[in-house]
Protein backbone atom coordinates (compact mmCIF):
# COMPACT_ATOMS: atom_id res chain seq x y z
CA UNK A 1 36.03 254.57 33.21
CA UNK A 2 33.03 253.89 35.39
CA UNK A 3 29.47 253.88 34.10
CA UNK A 4 26.69 254.66 36.61
CA UNK A 5 23.65 255.75 35.18
CA UNK A 6 20.83 255.67 37.71
CA UNK A 7 17.49 253.80 37.24
CA UNK A 8 18.50 251.76 34.18
CA UNK A 9 19.13 254.78 32.09
CA UNK A 10 21.70 254.40 29.20
CA UNK A 11 24.49 255.86 27.40
CA UNK A 12 24.71 255.53 23.74
CA UNK A 13 27.84 255.43 21.69
CA UNK A 14 27.70 256.84 18.18
CA UNK A 15 27.74 254.72 15.24
CA UNK A 16 31.20 252.82 14.96
CA UNK A 17 32.75 254.80 17.63
CA UNK A 18 34.82 253.30 20.45
CA UNK A 19 35.40 253.87 23.97
CA UNK A 20 38.99 252.96 24.77
CA UNK A 21 39.80 252.33 28.41
CA UNK A 22 43.58 252.08 29.32
CA UNK A 23 43.11 250.85 32.93
CA UNK A 24 40.02 249.95 34.77
CA UNK A 25 36.60 249.65 33.39
CA UNK A 26 33.63 249.41 35.78
CA UNK A 27 30.18 248.76 34.53
CA UNK A 28 28.18 249.69 37.89
CA UNK A 29 24.67 250.70 36.71
CA UNK A 30 22.81 251.53 33.63
CA UNK A 31 23.08 250.19 29.88
CA UNK A 32 25.46 251.05 27.10
CA UNK A 33 23.76 250.93 23.77
CA UNK A 34 25.18 251.54 20.09
CA UNK A 35 23.24 254.04 17.96
CA UNK A 36 23.22 252.07 14.79
CA UNK A 37 26.23 250.15 13.58
CA UNK A 38 28.22 248.89 16.51
CA UNK A 39 31.28 250.37 17.99
CA UNK A 40 32.88 248.98 21.05
CA UNK A 41 33.86 249.39 24.71
CA UNK A 42 37.63 248.55 24.06
CA UNK A 43 39.13 247.46 27.39
CA UNK A 44 43.04 247.28 27.60
CA UNK A 45 42.80 246.69 31.44
CA UNK A 46 40.61 244.92 34.02
CA UNK A 47 36.93 244.79 33.68
CA UNK A 48 34.36 244.70 36.49
CA UNK A 49 30.49 244.24 35.92
CA UNK A 50 28.50 245.04 39.24
CA UNK A 51 25.40 243.33 40.25
CA UNK A 52 23.40 246.48 39.61
CA UNK A 53 24.45 246.44 35.75
CA UNK A 54 21.18 246.55 33.44
CA UNK A 55 22.97 245.55 30.05
CA UNK A 56 22.86 246.94 26.70
CA UNK A 57 23.99 245.89 23.11
CA UNK A 58 27.36 247.46 22.88
CA UNK A 59 30.22 244.96 22.29
CA UNK A 60 32.89 244.43 24.92
CA UNK A 61 36.48 244.02 23.26
CA UNK A 62 39.44 242.84 25.18
CA UNK A 63 42.55 244.06 23.41
CA UNK A 64 46.15 244.84 23.52
CA UNK A 65 49.11 242.61 25.00
CA UNK A 66 48.78 243.00 28.69
CA UNK A 67 46.91 240.59 31.20
CA UNK A 68 43.42 241.43 32.35
CA UNK A 69 41.04 240.27 34.72
CA UNK A 70 37.22 239.84 34.22
CA UNK A 71 35.22 240.12 37.30
CA UNK A 72 31.52 239.37 37.23
CA UNK A 73 30.89 238.39 40.78
CA UNK A 74 27.06 238.61 41.39
CA UNK A 75 26.57 239.62 37.82
CA UNK A 76 27.58 236.56 35.78
CA UNK A 77 24.45 236.92 33.49
CA UNK A 78 24.17 240.79 33.42
CA UNK A 79 26.49 241.41 30.50
CA UNK A 80 24.05 241.18 27.34
CA UNK A 81 26.01 241.84 24.52
CA UNK A 82 28.88 240.25 22.39
CA UNK A 83 32.19 239.76 23.93
CA UNK A 84 35.29 239.62 21.77
CA UNK A 85 38.78 238.67 22.92
CA UNK A 86 41.36 239.61 20.40
CA UNK A 87 44.80 240.19 21.94
CA UNK A 88 48.28 240.17 20.20
CA UNK A 89 49.38 238.41 23.74
CA UNK A 90 48.44 238.29 27.17
CA UNK A 91 45.59 236.65 29.29
CA UNK A 92 42.09 237.50 30.17
CA UNK A 93 41.40 235.91 33.70
CA UNK A 94 37.98 235.16 34.81
CA UNK A 95 37.39 235.92 38.32
CA UNK A 96 33.86 234.58 38.15
CA UNK A 97 31.47 232.61 35.90
CA UNK A 98 30.06 234.25 32.66
CA UNK A 99 26.67 233.32 31.26
CA UNK A 100 25.78 235.03 27.73
CA UNK A 101 22.08 233.97 27.64
CA UNK A 102 20.52 236.50 25.35
CA UNK A 103 19.44 236.03 21.64
CA UNK A 104 21.96 238.49 20.41
CA UNK A 105 24.99 237.31 22.64
CA UNK A 106 28.10 235.56 21.04
CA UNK A 107 31.72 235.11 22.34
CA UNK A 108 34.47 235.74 19.89
CA UNK A 109 37.60 233.84 20.88
CA UNK A 110 40.10 235.31 18.11
CA UNK A 111 43.49 235.45 19.58
CA UNK A 112 45.01 235.41 22.93
CA UNK A 113 44.60 233.32 26.09
CA UNK A 114 41.20 233.00 28.28
CA UNK A 115 42.08 231.66 31.82
CA UNK A 116 39.02 229.87 33.34
CA UNK A 117 40.21 229.67 36.65
CA UNK A 118 37.95 227.00 37.67
CA UNK A 119 34.83 228.98 36.58
CA UNK A 120 32.13 228.44 33.68
CA UNK A 121 31.52 230.30 30.46
CA UNK A 122 28.19 229.27 29.15
CA UNK A 123 26.93 230.84 25.77
CA UNK A 124 23.25 229.77 25.32
CA UNK A 125 19.80 231.12 24.96
CA UNK A 126 17.60 228.69 23.76
CA UNK A 127 17.52 226.17 20.86
CA UNK A 128 15.42 228.77 18.79
CA UNK A 129 18.44 230.94 18.39
CA UNK A 130 21.91 230.44 17.15
CA UNK A 131 24.19 231.86 19.53
CA UNK A 132 27.80 231.02 18.83
CA UNK A 133 31.32 230.60 20.19
CA UNK A 134 33.56 231.72 17.31
CA UNK A 135 37.12 230.56 16.85
CA UNK A 136 40.02 232.18 15.41
CA UNK A 137 39.93 234.25 12.26
CA UNK A 138 42.72 234.98 9.72
CA UNK A 139 46.35 234.02 9.21
CA UNK A 140 48.50 232.74 12.20
CA UNK A 141 46.03 233.37 14.82
CA UNK A 142 45.82 231.40 17.99
CA UNK A 143 43.57 231.07 20.97
CA UNK A 144 44.22 229.17 24.08
CA UNK A 145 41.60 228.30 26.77
CA UNK A 146 43.56 227.46 29.76
CA UNK A 147 43.05 226.29 33.38
CA UNK A 148 40.23 224.20 34.81
CA UNK A 149 36.57 224.79 34.34
CA UNK A 150 34.00 224.80 31.42
CA UNK A 151 33.75 226.48 28.26
CA UNK A 152 30.01 225.58 26.77
CA UNK A 153 27.89 227.22 24.19
CA UNK A 154 24.93 226.05 21.72
CA UNK A 155 27.42 226.28 18.66
CA UNK A 156 31.06 226.35 18.25
CA UNK A 157 32.47 227.42 14.78
CA UNK A 158 35.77 227.80 13.50
CA UNK A 159 35.54 228.38 9.72
CA UNK A 160 36.95 231.77 8.78
CA UNK A 161 40.55 231.28 9.38
CA UNK A 162 43.38 229.70 7.35
CA UNK A 163 45.44 226.40 7.81
CA UNK A 164 47.60 228.29 10.37
CA UNK A 165 44.74 229.23 12.89
CA UNK A 166 44.79 227.20 16.16
CA UNK A 167 42.28 226.82 18.97
CA UNK A 168 43.50 224.83 21.85
CA UNK A 169 42.01 223.68 25.14
CA UNK A 170 44.75 223.23 27.77
CA UNK A 171 44.46 221.80 31.42
CA UNK A 172 41.81 219.41 32.70
CA UNK A 173 38.69 221.66 31.36
CA UNK A 174 35.53 220.75 29.93
CA UNK A 175 34.53 221.97 26.56
CA UNK A 176 30.89 221.47 25.42
CA UNK A 177 28.49 222.16 22.84
CA UNK A 178 24.74 221.72 23.06
CA UNK A 179 23.95 221.70 19.42
CA UNK A 180 26.78 222.14 16.75
CA UNK A 181 30.35 222.01 16.27
CA UNK A 182 31.83 223.02 13.08
CA UNK A 183 35.67 223.21 11.95
CA UNK A 184 36.35 224.31 8.50
CA UNK A 185 39.80 225.77 8.89
CA UNK A 186 42.95 225.53 10.89
CA UNK A 187 43.58 223.27 14.00
CA UNK A 188 41.48 222.38 17.15
CA UNK A 189 43.27 220.71 19.81
CA UNK A 190 41.48 219.24 22.86
CA UNK A 191 44.81 217.90 24.80
CA UNK A 192 43.17 216.23 28.04
CA UNK A 193 39.98 218.04 28.30
CA UNK A 194 36.65 216.41 28.47
CA UNK A 195 34.92 217.20 25.28
CA UNK A 196 30.82 216.71 24.84
CA UNK A 197 29.51 217.33 21.45
CA UNK A 198 25.68 217.69 22.33
CA UNK A 199 24.61 217.79 18.69
CA UNK A 200 26.51 217.47 15.33
CA UNK A 201 29.92 217.17 14.95
CA UNK A 202 31.05 218.62 11.55
CA UNK A 203 34.46 218.42 10.06
CA UNK A 204 34.54 220.41 6.78
CA UNK A 205 38.10 221.01 6.79
CA UNK A 206 41.17 221.46 9.15
CA UNK A 207 42.42 219.24 11.73
CA UNK A 208 40.73 217.96 14.90
CA UNK A 209 43.11 216.55 17.54
CA UNK A 210 40.79 214.80 19.90
CA UNK A 211 41.24 214.54 23.68
CA UNK A 212 43.46 212.07 25.36
CA UNK A 213 40.57 211.58 27.85
CA UNK A 214 36.96 211.08 26.87
CA UNK A 215 34.98 212.69 23.94
CA UNK A 216 31.17 212.07 23.33
CA UNK A 217 28.79 212.79 20.43
CA UNK A 218 25.16 212.45 20.23
CA UNK A 219 24.23 213.24 16.88
CA UNK A 220 25.79 213.21 13.33
CA UNK A 221 29.57 212.64 12.94
CA UNK A 222 30.49 214.00 9.50
CA UNK A 223 33.78 214.55 8.34
CA UNK A 224 34.83 215.65 4.78
CA UNK A 225 37.71 214.10 2.84
CA UNK A 226 39.58 217.25 3.24
CA UNK A 227 39.55 217.26 6.93
CA UNK A 228 41.50 215.09 9.60
CA UNK A 229 40.45 213.61 12.92
CA UNK A 230 43.43 212.50 14.98
CA UNK A 231 42.08 210.26 17.90
CA UNK A 232 45.14 211.08 20.36
CA UNK A 233 44.86 207.71 22.08
CA UNK A 234 41.61 208.68 23.69
CA UNK A 235 38.05 207.50 23.93
CA UNK A 236 35.00 208.40 21.67
CA UNK A 237 31.58 207.54 22.83
CA UNK A 238 28.55 207.74 20.69
CA UNK A 239 25.32 208.56 22.90
CA UNK A 240 21.93 210.05 22.62
CA UNK A 241 19.04 209.38 20.24
CA UNK A 242 20.17 210.55 16.92
CA UNK A 243 20.68 207.72 13.97
CA UNK A 244 23.08 209.57 11.74
CA UNK A 245 26.63 209.17 11.69
CA UNK A 246 28.13 209.84 8.27
CA UNK A 247 31.96 209.60 8.27
CA UNK A 248 32.82 211.18 4.95
CA UNK A 249 30.34 213.41 3.12
CA UNK A 250 32.52 213.46 -0.08
CA UNK A 251 34.22 210.29 -0.36
CA UNK A 252 34.17 206.69 1.06
CA UNK A 253 36.53 206.43 4.11
CA UNK A 254 37.81 205.04 7.43
CA UNK A 255 37.43 207.09 10.47
CA UNK A 256 40.16 205.76 13.22
CA UNK A 257 39.53 205.65 16.78
CA UNK A 258 41.66 204.49 19.75
CA UNK A 259 38.95 203.45 22.17
CA UNK A 260 35.05 203.56 20.93
CA UNK A 261 32.07 202.96 22.90
CA UNK A 262 28.60 202.88 21.51
CA UNK A 263 26.12 203.64 24.17
CA UNK A 264 22.89 204.95 22.45
CA UNK A 265 19.82 205.62 24.61
CA UNK A 266 16.91 203.17 24.71
CA UNK A 267 18.14 200.95 21.74
CA UNK A 268 18.59 203.74 19.31
CA UNK A 269 20.45 203.26 16.05
CA UNK A 270 23.92 204.36 15.04
CA UNK A 271 23.77 204.41 11.18
CA UNK A 272 27.33 204.05 9.39
CA UNK A 273 27.24 205.66 5.80
CA UNK A 274 27.72 203.34 3.03
CA UNK A 275 31.06 201.64 2.70
CA UNK A 276 32.46 203.56 5.28
CA UNK A 277 34.30 202.00 8.22
CA UNK A 278 34.88 202.59 12.05
CA UNK A 279 38.33 201.40 12.67
CA UNK A 280 39.01 200.66 16.37
CA UNK A 281 42.97 200.35 17.55
CA UNK A 282 42.31 199.45 21.12
CA UNK A 283 38.99 198.72 22.94
CA UNK A 284 35.57 198.46 21.29
CA UNK A 285 32.69 198.43 23.59
CA UNK A 286 29.24 197.77 22.61
CA UNK A 287 27.05 198.74 25.49
CA UNK A 288 23.66 199.88 24.31
CA UNK A 289 21.85 200.70 21.10
CA UNK A 290 22.20 199.34 17.60
CA UNK A 291 24.61 199.79 14.84
CA UNK A 292 23.32 199.39 11.18
CA UNK A 293 24.83 199.65 7.77
CA UNK A 294 22.91 202.45 5.63
CA UNK A 295 22.94 200.66 2.40
CA UNK A 296 26.32 199.07 1.07
CA UNK A 297 27.96 197.40 4.08
CA UNK A 298 30.89 198.91 5.69
CA UNK A 299 32.48 197.45 9.02
CA UNK A 300 33.13 197.94 12.71
CA UNK A 301 36.93 197.00 12.03
CA UNK A 302 38.46 195.73 15.51
CA UNK A 303 42.20 195.59 15.96
CA UNK A 304 41.99 195.35 19.75
CA UNK A 305 39.57 193.74 22.34
CA UNK A 306 35.84 193.62 21.81
CA UNK A 307 33.13 193.72 24.56
CA UNK A 308 29.56 193.29 23.94
CA UNK A 309 27.30 194.21 27.23
CA UNK A 310 24.01 192.70 28.05
CA UNK A 311 22.37 195.83 27.20
CA UNK A 312 23.21 195.53 23.49
CA UNK A 313 20.44 195.59 21.08
CA UNK A 314 22.19 194.51 17.86
CA UNK A 315 22.11 195.58 14.37
CA UNK A 316 23.32 194.45 11.02
CA UNK A 317 26.75 196.27 10.77
CA UNK A 318 29.41 193.49 10.57
CA UNK A 319 32.17 193.10 12.98
CA UNK A 320 35.53 192.51 11.35
CA UNK A 321 38.57 191.38 13.65
CA UNK A 322 41.85 192.29 11.82
CA UNK A 323 45.54 193.14 12.01
CA UNK A 324 48.31 191.07 13.61
CA UNK A 325 47.83 191.43 17.32
CA UNK A 326 45.90 189.13 19.75
CA UNK A 327 42.49 190.15 20.73
CA UNK A 328 39.67 189.16 23.18
CA UNK A 329 36.22 188.89 22.50
CA UNK A 330 33.96 189.09 25.41
CA UNK A 331 30.03 188.40 25.41
CA UNK A 332 29.70 187.43 29.15
CA UNK A 333 25.86 187.73 29.45
CA UNK A 334 25.51 188.64 25.93
CA UNK A 335 26.39 185.64 23.94
CA UNK A 336 23.30 186.00 21.70
CA UNK A 337 23.24 189.71 21.30
CA UNK A 338 25.52 190.49 18.60
CA UNK A 339 23.18 189.93 15.50
CA UNK A 340 25.46 190.59 12.33
CA UNK A 341 28.17 188.85 10.42
CA UNK A 342 31.56 188.52 12.20
CA UNK A 343 34.58 188.32 10.04
CA UNK A 344 37.94 187.08 11.19
CA UNK A 345 40.76 188.00 8.81
CA UNK A 346 43.83 188.77 10.47
CA UNK A 347 47.01 189.46 8.65
CA UNK A 348 50.32 187.27 8.91
CA UNK A 349 53.49 189.14 8.40
CA UNK A 350 55.05 186.63 5.63
CA UNK A 351 58.29 187.93 4.12
CA UNK A 352 60.36 188.31 7.42
CA UNK A 353 62.69 185.30 7.45
CA UNK A 354 62.60 185.42 11.17
CA UNK A 355 58.95 185.29 11.31
CA UNK A 356 57.44 181.80 12.48
CA UNK A 357 53.66 182.05 12.18
CA UNK A 358 51.60 181.15 15.02
CA UNK A 359 47.75 180.66 15.03
CA UNK A 360 46.05 183.81 15.98
CA UNK A 361 43.61 183.28 18.99
CA UNK A 362 40.22 184.85 19.58
CA UNK A 363 39.04 184.24 23.10
C-alpha cells in the first residue's frame, strides 16, 4: 500500500476500521486521519515514511510474527500519531531515528522486539504535555529493546501488566526519561544500558533490575514496600536540584545500592525519608550537595569505602560504618566537610571456633 495524496490532502479511515498491509507500506505524501474512534494502519511488513509525508492522527500498528523494517530516513519527525508494537514474535528494526514530538503521540512497546540499530527514538513534545512510552500490557507479555542506540521519552509507564510482564533493555544502549519513570507491575531489566531518570523514579510495584553500568536520578526516588529494586552491582548517582528522595512510601525500609554517588548541583539537598536507610555495599562517593534527614534520623550505611570530595556541602544525615569487611575513609582536601554524626559499629563473627577477632581498621 502506498499513500500519495497531493498537496497535503488526506484519506480518512472510518471509525474503528483497519487497513492491514501484508507486505510494504509506503507513506509518501499526504495525511491519514481517523473519522472518530481510531482504527489503525496495521503493518505486517516493512514501513517507509518519505520526506514529503504530512502526518495525520491514525495510529501505526506493527503486528504479526515476521521481522519488519521501519525507515524514516529524512522523515524522522514526520509521523505524527501513536505507534504500537505488539508482535507475537519477530523484530521491528529501525533504519533511521524516530521522533514523536506531537502532543498526541505515544509509543506503545507491548510485545516483541525493537532493534535500535544505533539510532535514537525520542518521544517528547514539551513539559506541558504528558507524552508516554508504555511498557507491556497483559499476562506473560514481554518486550525487548535491542542493539545500541537511545530510547528516550518524557514519561515511561509499565503499570497495566501482570507479575509475568517483562521489559528489557539489551545491549549497550541508553534509556532516558525526561520527567517520570513509573513501574507498577512486572519486571524492568536494564542489563548493561546507561539509564538516566530526568525526573521522578517511582516503583509502585514489580521488580526493577538496575543496570550493571551507570544509572542517574535527578528527582524523587520512591519505592513502595511491594516493589523491589535490585542493584545488579551497578552505580546509582543522584544528580540535579530536586530535594526529595523517599525510599519507602508505605513502610520504613532500606534501599541497597552497590555503588552510590551523590552529586547534587549547586549544593542542593538530598533528603532521605524518616528512618529510611541507604545501604551501600561497595563505594560511597559524596561528591557534591547535601544529605539531610527529613525528621527521624535514618542513615547512610556504608559497607565499603567512603570518599568525601572537596565539593561536598555537608548535611545532617549520619554516616554509619558497618559489616565485617575492612573499609577506607578518604577525606583528602575535605577533612572538615562531613558535618554529621559518624558511627562505627562493625560486626564481629563470634560463634565460629576458627575465628580469631582482629581489630577492624578505618583509614
